[in-house]
Structure formats: C-alpha cells, structure tokens
Amino acid sequence: MRTVSVSQAREQLSSFVNWSKENKDYVIIEVRGKAEAVLIPYADFDILQEILQQKQRREAIAKLQALSGEISKRTSELNETNVDELADEISKEAVASLARKGKIRFGKENP
C-alpha cells in the first residue's frame, strides 16, 4: 500500500495506476494529510462492488421483512366490519375527488 498527496496523484497518476495494477495493491490519496480517496486495481473494484451490492440487498430484505411484519400486524386487527368501513371510506373519498375534478356530476343537467 502506498500513500500519496493529491498533488502527487495529479502529477503522476499514470505511474500510480501502473503501480497499483502491477503490485495488486492500493494507493491512498490524501488531502492535507487526511485520506480522501483510494486508487485500487480494477479486479478489486469488481469484488468491492459485489460486496456492496450484497450489503444493499441484505439491507433491502431486512427493510421488507420489517415492513411485512408491520403489515401483518395491522391486517391482523382487521375484521369484516373494519374492512367494509374502510372500503366505504375509500369509495367516498374517490367519488368526492372525481366530483371536485369535474369528472362526475350528480343531479339533473339542463340541456
């Protein structure tokens, strides 16, 4: 592993890319003494991407499982009366929305 300043990296990027590739090692790039970026061989980048994608998948699955549990909890509290009341409420809201938009009208229309 090598550590270089950003100005060194800028001036000698080609040589650091070659060094990283040949040595199959990393080049840490620092800005004002603080590590800010890493130059890595492309093969390692592919591996890193796969690891990150797997992590994202695990996080997404965990979120979906938590959501599934919450949905199951909420739906277990529903009975037929609650479902009918909810359906009536949704229907009324939909009809009211359509009426406000002028999509439907009630009553007699004058020709």
N, C-alpha and C. Protein backbone atom coordinates (compact mmCIF):
# COMPACT_ATOMS: atom_id res chain seq x y z
N MET A 1 0.86 -1.17 0.00
CA MET A 1 0.00 0.00 0.00
C MET A 1 0.91 1.23 0.00
N ARG A 2 0.48 2.22 -0.79
CA ARG A 2 1.22 3.49 -0.84
C ARG A 2 0.28 4.61 -0.44
N THR A 3 0.85 5.65 0.10
CA THR A 3 0.09 6.84 0.43
C THR A 3 0.75 8.02 -0.25
N VAL A 4 -0.08 8.79 -0.98
CA VAL A 4 0.45 9.94 -1.70
C VAL A 4 -0.47 11.13 -1.49
N SER A 5 0.06 12.31 -1.73
CA SER A 5 -0.77 13.51 -1.64
C SER A 5 -1.57 13.65 -2.93
N VAL A 6 -2.61 14.45 -2.87
CA VAL A 6 -3.43 14.66 -4.05
C VAL A 6 -2.61 15.34 -5.16
N SER A 7 -1.67 16.21 -4.80
CA SER A 7 -0.86 16.86 -5.83
C SER A 7 0.07 15.84 -6.49
N GLN A 8 0.64 14.90 -5.71
CA GLN A 8 1.45 13.83 -6.30
C GLN A 8 0.60 12.97 -7.23
N ALA A 9 -0.61 12.64 -6.77
CA ALA A 9 -1.50 11.80 -7.58
C ALA A 9 -1.84 12.50 -8.90
N ARG A 10 -2.07 13.79 -8.83
CA ARG A 10 -2.40 14.56 -10.03
C ARG A 10 -1.22 14.55 -11.01
N GLU A 11 -0.02 14.75 -10.49
CA GLU A 11 1.17 14.84 -11.34
C GLU A 11 1.61 13.50 -11.90
N GLN A 12 1.36 12.42 -11.14
CA GLN A 12 1.90 11.11 -11.52
C GLN A 12 0.82 10.03 -11.60
N LEU A 13 -0.38 10.42 -11.96
CA LEU A 13 -1.49 9.47 -11.94
C LEU A 13 -1.18 8.21 -12.73
N SER A 14 -0.65 8.36 -13.92
CA SER A 14 -0.35 7.20 -14.76
C SER A 14 0.58 6.22 -14.05
N SER A 15 1.61 6.73 -13.41
CA SER A 15 2.56 5.83 -12.73
C SER A 15 1.91 5.15 -11.53
N PHE A 16 1.00 5.86 -10.83
CA PHE A 16 0.32 5.23 -9.69
C PHE A 16 -0.69 4.18 -10.15
N VAL A 17 -1.34 4.43 -11.27
CA VAL A 17 -2.25 3.42 -11.83
C VAL A 17 -1.47 2.17 -12.19
N ASN A 18 -0.33 2.35 -12.86
CA ASN A 18 0.51 1.20 -13.22
C ASN A 18 1.02 0.48 -11.98
N TRP A 19 1.47 1.22 -10.97
CA TRP A 19 1.97 0.61 -9.74
C TRP A 19 0.87 -0.23 -9.08
N SER A 20 -0.33 0.34 -9.00
CA SER A 20 -1.45 -0.36 -8.38
C SER A 20 -1.78 -1.65 -9.12
N LYS A 21 -1.79 -1.55 -10.43
CA LYS A 21 -2.10 -2.72 -11.27
C LYS A 21 -1.01 -3.79 -11.14
N GLU A 22 0.24 -3.40 -11.24
CA GLU A 22 1.35 -4.36 -11.20
C GLU A 22 1.50 -5.01 -9.83
N ASN A 23 1.32 -4.22 -8.78
CA ASN A 23 1.51 -4.73 -7.42
C ASN A 23 0.23 -5.28 -6.79
N LYS A 24 -0.86 -5.11 -7.52
CA LYS A 24 -2.17 -5.54 -6.99
C LYS A 24 -2.36 -5.00 -5.58
N ASP A 25 -2.14 -3.69 -5.47
CA ASP A 25 -2.18 -3.02 -4.18
C ASP A 25 -2.85 -1.66 -4.33
N TYR A 26 -3.09 -1.01 -3.22
CA TYR A 26 -3.84 0.25 -3.20
C TYR A 26 -2.91 1.45 -3.08
N VAL A 27 -3.41 2.57 -3.60
CA VAL A 27 -2.75 3.85 -3.41
C VAL A 27 -3.75 4.76 -2.70
N ILE A 28 -3.41 5.15 -1.49
CA ILE A 28 -4.28 6.05 -0.73
C ILE A 28 -3.91 7.47 -1.09
N ILE A 29 -4.89 8.28 -1.41
CA ILE A 29 -4.67 9.66 -1.79
C ILE A 29 -5.15 10.56 -0.66
N GLU A 30 -4.23 11.39 -0.17
CA GLU A 30 -4.54 12.26 0.95
C GLU A 30 -4.68 13.71 0.51
N VAL A 31 -5.56 14.42 1.18
CA VAL A 31 -5.71 15.86 1.01
C VAL A 31 -5.40 16.48 2.36
N ARG A 32 -4.35 17.28 2.40
CA ARG A 32 -3.91 17.92 3.64
C ARG A 32 -3.70 16.90 4.77
N GLY A 33 -3.09 15.76 4.39
CA GLY A 33 -2.76 14.74 5.38
C GLY A 33 -3.88 13.82 5.78
N LYS A 34 -5.05 13.99 5.18
CA LYS A 34 -6.20 13.15 5.53
C LYS A 34 -6.57 12.28 4.32
N ALA A 35 -6.70 10.97 4.54
CA ALA A 35 -7.07 10.05 3.46
C ALA A 35 -8.45 10.42 2.92
N GLU A 36 -8.54 10.64 1.62
CA GLU A 36 -9.80 11.05 0.99
C GLU A 36 -10.24 10.12 -0.13
N ALA A 37 -9.30 9.40 -0.74
CA ALA A 37 -9.65 8.52 -1.86
C ALA A 37 -8.64 7.38 -1.93
N VAL A 38 -9.02 6.34 -2.68
CA VAL A 38 -8.14 5.19 -2.85
C VAL A 38 -8.16 4.77 -4.31
N LEU A 39 -6.98 4.55 -4.85
CA LEU A 39 -6.83 4.00 -6.19
C LEU A 39 -6.61 2.51 -6.01
N ILE A 40 -7.48 1.70 -6.62
CA ILE A 40 -7.38 0.25 -6.43
C ILE A 40 -7.37 -0.44 -7.79
N PRO A 41 -6.81 -1.65 -7.85
CA PRO A 41 -6.87 -2.40 -9.10
C PRO A 41 -8.32 -2.70 -9.48
N TYR A 42 -8.60 -2.75 -10.77
CA TYR A 42 -9.97 -2.93 -11.23
C TYR A 42 -10.58 -4.24 -10.75
N ALA A 43 -9.79 -5.29 -10.67
CA ALA A 43 -10.31 -6.58 -10.19
C ALA A 43 -10.83 -6.44 -8.76
N ASP A 44 -10.13 -5.67 -7.94
CA ASP A 44 -10.59 -5.44 -6.57
C ASP A 44 -11.87 -4.60 -6.56
N PHE A 45 -11.96 -3.68 -7.50
CA PHE A 45 -13.16 -2.85 -7.61
C PHE A 45 -14.38 -3.73 -7.90
N ASP A 46 -14.24 -4.69 -8.82
CA ASP A 46 -15.35 -5.61 -9.12
C ASP A 46 -15.79 -6.36 -7.86
N ILE A 47 -14.81 -6.83 -7.09
CA ILE A 47 -15.13 -7.55 -5.86
C ILE A 47 -15.83 -6.63 -4.87
N LEU A 48 -15.31 -5.41 -4.74
CA LEU A 48 -15.90 -4.43 -3.83
C LEU A 48 -17.34 -4.12 -4.22
N GLN A 49 -17.58 -3.95 -5.52
CA GLN A 49 -18.94 -3.67 -5.98
C GLN A 49 -19.88 -4.80 -5.61
N GLU A 50 -19.45 -6.03 -5.81
CA GLU A 50 -20.29 -7.19 -5.48
C GLU A 50 -20.60 -7.22 -3.99
N ILE A 51 -19.60 -6.95 -3.17
CA ILE A 51 -19.81 -6.92 -1.71
C ILE A 51 -20.81 -5.84 -1.34
N LEU A 52 -20.65 -4.65 -1.92
CA LEU A 52 -21.57 -3.55 -1.63
C LEU A 52 -22.99 -3.87 -2.09
N GLN A 53 -23.13 -4.50 -3.25
CA GLN A 53 -24.46 -4.88 -3.73
C GLN A 53 -25.10 -5.91 -2.81
N GLN A 54 -24.31 -6.86 -2.33
CA GLN A 54 -24.84 -7.86 -1.39
C GLN A 54 -25.31 -7.18 -0.10
N LYS A 55 -24.54 -6.21 0.37
CA LYS A 55 -24.92 -5.48 1.58
C LYS A 55 -26.22 -4.73 1.35
N GLN A 56 -26.34 -4.08 0.20
CA GLN A 56 -27.57 -3.34 -0.12
C GLN A 56 -28.76 -4.29 -0.20
N ARG A 57 -28.56 -5.47 -0.77
CA ARG A 57 -29.64 -6.45 -0.85
C ARG A 57 -30.07 -6.90 0.54
N ARG A 58 -29.09 -7.17 1.41
CA ARG A 58 -29.42 -7.60 2.79
C ARG A 58 -30.20 -6.50 3.51
N GLU A 59 -29.78 -5.25 3.34
CA GLU A 59 -30.48 -4.13 3.98
C GLU A 59 -31.90 -4.00 3.42
N ALA A 60 -32.05 -4.15 2.11
CA ALA A 60 -33.38 -4.06 1.49
C ALA A 60 -34.28 -5.19 1.98
N ILE A 61 -33.73 -6.39 2.08
CA ILE A 61 -34.51 -7.54 2.57
C ILE A 61 -34.94 -7.31 4.02
N ALA A 62 -34.03 -6.78 4.83
CA ALA A 62 -34.36 -6.50 6.23
C ALA A 62 -35.49 -5.48 6.32
N LYS A 63 -35.43 -4.43 5.50
CA LYS A 63 -36.49 -3.42 5.49
C LYS A 63 -37.82 -4.03 5.04
N LEU A 64 -37.78 -4.86 4.01
CA LEU A 64 -39.00 -5.50 3.53
C LEU A 64 -39.59 -6.44 4.57
N GLN A 65 -38.72 -7.16 5.28
CA GLN A 65 -39.21 -8.06 6.33
C GLN A 65 -39.86 -7.27 7.46
N ALA A 66 -39.25 -6.13 7.83
CA ALA A 66 -39.84 -5.29 8.87
C ALA A 66 -41.18 -4.74 8.41
N LEU A 67 -41.25 -4.31 7.16
CA LEU A 67 -42.50 -3.79 6.60
C LEU A 67 -43.56 -4.89 6.55
N SER A 68 -43.15 -6.08 6.16
CA SER A 68 -44.08 -7.22 6.12
C SER A 68 -44.64 -7.51 7.50
N GLY A 69 -43.79 -7.44 8.51
CA GLY A 69 -44.26 -7.66 9.88
C GLY A 69 -45.24 -6.60 10.31
N GLU A 70 -44.97 -5.34 9.95
CA GLU A 70 -45.88 -4.25 10.29
C GLU A 70 -47.22 -4.41 9.58
N ILE A 71 -47.17 -4.79 8.31
CA ILE A 71 -48.42 -5.01 7.55
C ILE A 71 -49.21 -6.16 8.15
N SER A 72 -48.52 -7.24 8.50
CA SER A 72 -49.20 -8.39 9.11
C SER A 72 -49.86 -7.99 10.42
N LYS A 73 -49.17 -7.19 11.21
CA LYS A 73 -49.72 -6.74 12.48
C LYS A 73 -50.98 -5.91 12.24
N ARG A 74 -50.91 -4.99 11.29
CA ARG A 74 -52.06 -4.12 11.02
C ARG A 74 -53.24 -4.90 10.45
N THR A 75 -52.97 -5.81 9.54
CA THR A 75 -54.07 -6.55 8.90
C THR A 75 -54.68 -7.57 9.85
N SER A 76 -53.92 -8.02 10.83
CA SER A 76 -54.49 -9.00 11.77
C SER A 76 -55.58 -8.36 12.63
N GLU A 77 -55.53 -7.04 12.74
CA GLU A 77 -56.52 -6.32 13.54
C GLU A 77 -57.80 -6.04 12.75
N LEU A 78 -57.80 -6.33 11.46
CA LEU A 78 -58.98 -6.06 10.64
C LEU A 78 -59.97 -7.21 10.72
N ASN A 79 -61.24 -6.85 10.82
CA ASN A 79 -62.28 -7.85 10.71
C ASN A 79 -63.19 -7.42 9.56
N GLU A 80 -64.20 -8.19 9.29
CA GLU A 80 -65.06 -7.90 8.13
C GLU A 80 -65.71 -6.52 8.24
N THR A 81 -66.13 -6.14 9.42
CA THR A 81 -66.75 -4.82 9.62
C THR A 81 -65.74 -3.71 9.33
N ASN A 82 -64.52 -3.87 9.85
CA ASN A 82 -63.49 -2.86 9.61
C ASN A 82 -63.17 -2.75 8.11
N VAL A 83 -63.11 -3.87 7.45
CA VAL A 83 -62.80 -3.86 6.01
C VAL A 83 -63.91 -3.15 5.25
N ASP A 84 -65.18 -3.43 5.57
CA ASP A 84 -66.30 -2.77 4.91
C ASP A 84 -66.28 -1.27 5.16
N GLU A 85 -66.02 -0.86 6.40
CA GLU A 85 -65.95 0.56 6.72
C GLU A 85 -64.82 1.25 5.96
N LEU A 86 -63.68 0.59 5.88
CA LEU A 86 -62.54 1.15 5.17
C LEU A 86 -62.84 1.26 3.67
N ALA A 87 -63.47 0.25 3.12
CA ALA A 87 -63.82 0.28 1.70
C ALA A 87 -64.82 1.41 1.42
N ASP A 88 -65.82 1.59 2.30
CA ASP A 88 -66.78 2.69 2.14
C ASP A 88 -66.07 4.04 2.18
N GLU A 89 -65.16 4.21 3.13
CA GLU A 89 -64.44 5.47 3.27
C GLU A 89 -63.61 5.77 2.02
N ILE A 90 -62.91 4.78 1.52
CA ILE A 90 -62.09 4.96 0.32
C ILE A 90 -62.96 5.29 -0.87
N SER A 91 -64.10 4.59 -1.01
CA SER A 91 -65.02 4.85 -2.12
C SER A 91 -65.55 6.27 -2.07
N LYS A 92 -65.96 6.72 -0.88
CA LYS A 92 -66.48 8.08 -0.73
C LYS A 92 -65.42 9.12 -1.09
N GLU A 93 -64.19 8.88 -0.65
CA GLU A 93 -63.10 9.82 -0.95
C GLU A 93 -62.84 9.85 -2.45
N ALA A 94 -62.89 8.71 -3.11
CA ALA A 94 -62.65 8.65 -4.55
C ALA A 94 -63.76 9.39 -5.31
N VAL A 95 -65.01 9.18 -4.92
CA VAL A 95 -66.13 9.86 -5.58
C VAL A 95 -66.03 11.36 -5.36
N ALA A 96 -65.72 11.79 -4.15
CA ALA A 96 -65.59 13.22 -3.86
C ALA A 96 -64.47 13.83 -4.69
N SER A 97 -63.37 13.13 -4.82
CA SER A 97 -62.24 13.63 -5.61
C SER A 97 -62.62 13.77 -7.08
N LEU A 98 -63.32 12.78 -7.61
CA LEU A 98 -63.77 12.84 -9.00
C LEU A 98 -64.75 13.99 -9.22
N ALA A 99 -65.63 14.20 -8.24
CA ALA A 99 -66.60 15.30 -8.35
C ALA A 99 -65.88 16.65 -8.33
N ARG A 100 -64.90 16.81 -7.47
CA ARG A 100 -64.13 18.07 -7.41
C ARG A 100 -63.41 18.34 -8.72
N LYS A 101 -62.95 17.30 -9.37
CA LYS A 101 -62.24 17.46 -10.64
C LYS A 101 -63.18 17.60 -11.83
N GLY A 102 -64.47 17.51 -11.56
CA GLY A 102 -65.45 17.64 -12.63
C GLY A 102 -65.58 16.39 -13.50
N LYS A 103 -65.06 15.30 -13.03
CA LYS A 103 -65.11 14.05 -13.80
C LYS A 103 -66.48 13.38 -13.72
N ILE A 104 -67.19 13.63 -12.60
CA ILE A 104 -68.55 13.11 -12.45
C ILE A 104 -69.42 14.22 -11.89
N ARG A 105 -70.72 14.14 -12.18
CA ARG A 105 -71.67 15.12 -11.66
C ARG A 105 -72.89 14.40 -11.15
N PHE A 106 -73.55 15.01 -10.18
CA PHE A 106 -74.75 14.45 -9.60
C PHE A 106 -75.92 15.37 -9.92
N GLY A 107 -77.09 14.77 -10.02
CA GLY A 107 -78.29 15.56 -10.27
C GLY A 107 -78.60 15.69 -11.76
N LYS A 108 -79.70 16.38 -12.04
CA LYS A 108 -80.12 16.57 -13.44
C LYS A 108 -79.33 17.69 -14.07
N GLU A 109 -79.00 17.49 -15.30
CA GLU A 109 -78.34 18.55 -16.05
C GLU A 109 -79.34 19.16 -16.99
N ASN A 110 -79.29 20.46 -17.16
CA ASN A 110 -80.16 21.14 -18.10
C ASN A 110 -79.59 21.04 -19.50
N PRO A 111 -80.45 20.69 -20.47
CA PRO A 111 -79.94 20.55 -21.86
C PRO A 111 -79.62 21.86 -22.50
